[in-house]
Amino acid sequence: MQEKTPVSKSLAENIARMEVLFDTCDDIKKKQMNLGIHKDVPCYLTFIEVAVDMGNSALLELLKYLRSAEKEEIYAALSRNALGISDATYFETIEDAGDGLLTGEAILFVDGFDKAVKIPDDGYPNMGVGKAESEKVVRGSNEGFTDSVKQNAALIRKRIRSPRVKVKQKKLGVRSNTNVYLVYMDELVYPGLLSEIERRLGRFEIDGVLDSGVIEQLTEERWRSPFPQFQTTERPDRAAMAVLEGRVVLLSDNSPVGLVLPTDYNSFIKTSDDYYNRWEIASFERLLRYVASFFAMTLPGLYLALTNFHTQILPTTLLLSFAEARAGVPFPAVVEVLIMELSFELLREAGVRLPGTMGNTIGIVGGLIIGQAAVEANLVSPIVVIVIAFTALCSFAVPSEEFATAFRLLKFFFIAACAWLGFFGFLAGLLAVLIHLSQLKSFGIPYLMPFVGADVNDYEDERDFLWREPLHRLKMRPVYAKSSQRRKLRLRAHGSKKQ
């Protein structure tokens, strides 16, 4: 590792070293000025052009104070850290001062003082707090994470106003020096979980981390699995719920998507407003999502198995209707299904890449036009269009886009298995997926929790499983939290009224 250069008391030496460090960086402003009431204290101020507001900020007020102070007062204030700024940071080396500059703050060097001072300001520009686009809810907050890791951590603290919420900072990326925060509740999280997360973050070295997705891919244990072992969220309230459950939320700078870990199958099916709505409708919608996740993976394959191998299962009238619909279609059923599936996947991809309302329009209109034209041209049968459209609806009903992607990929596995072996292929494929899920873990938590291991938490997790029991019966935290801290709700036997 290269040895760092200490900050000198000579302002000229510090300026020369900073000029070398940031050579050909025209976006970095460098100002030399004199401080003190007699203008007898030379100083050097450097900052990134758009990251610091010189018009109305703590920096401007500090410079006004230093310009009106005596020389001895300036050095005394610097030595005692008495600048009146809570977030001022002192750096003892040029390299550390350079890193501080790249966080979007201003760096001040004063002649005769052997430390650089980081003065906080607005920082890099960002989009501000907006709506969570990919996790829409009927009831609850509409706030979404931003590209600033500091704002994202503040949005979680806004919801959990407790000093027990801890935020641990890491730096990832040799050249990007990306800030990564681990947010957790100190008394709830297992120490071993934190150690394992830090171990995985420390086992790779990469040039740059530009999004939390890079961290997710580099720290997954079972990277060949189509099922994600990290839960992603754009919602601060969802992240706050996870923290209150004893889980860890990983936030990366420049990314509006947080990672929640550990996770399981059931967590991907839940939504934030499951806990804001009454238990009856929340349970119904959750059961609907479980059914949707099953059919999003298996319906096209199941159709092929029934129509190609096991027609005796179908009622005669329905079978005749299928045969009549397929009259004149020149392709086998499996080719029909693949044509329509690939068409819908192309439409979905085109809808994502096109801007705004144009993307929504191409998805709906394109699906209708292509489906109708294919039927009229006798390329596919109407029943196949219905099956593929229903499968697409089921995949859209899965709350997590990353989780739904696993079913979209496995759908083609089931198409191949059922086209080859019929219903036996369907059962074999289903068994293979279940065996894989039973072996999958996310930071030590079984992926099928609480399908398996429900007794670890005295079967309390089953109250918030396929259905959601009334809120007053959800008294215990999930298995993620320490066993001594599982209780989260206590009902008072006798309420008291103020007189």
Foldseek 3Di string as FASTA:
>chain_A
DDDFAFFDLAQVVLVVVVCVVCPPPVQKDKDWFAADCVSPKIKIKIAGNPLADCPDWLVVVLRVVRRHHHPVVVVVCVVVVVSPAPPKDKAGTSVVQVVLRVQSFMWMGIRRDRIIITDDHNGDDWDPWDAFDQFDDPDDDRTWFILALVVLVVLLCVVVVDPQWDWDWDFAAPAARKIKIKTARNQWFDPLLVVLLVVQRPPDHHHDDQEVVVSQCSRDPCNVALAGQWAKDGDSLLVNVLRVLRWIWMDIHRYSIITIDGAAPQVQLAGPCLQVDFQVVSLVLSLLLVVLLVLLQAQLLQVLLCLPPNVVVDDPVVNVVVVVQLPPAPDPSLVQLVVLLVQLVVLQVQLVPDDDPVSVCSNVVVLVVVLVVCSVVSNHGNVSSVSNVSSVVSLSSRSGVSRSSSSSVSNVVSSVQCNVPRVVSNVVSVVVVVVVQQPDGRSNHRNHPPVPPCVVLPVLVVCSGSGHHGPQSSQFRDPSTDNVRTGDDDDDPDDDDDD
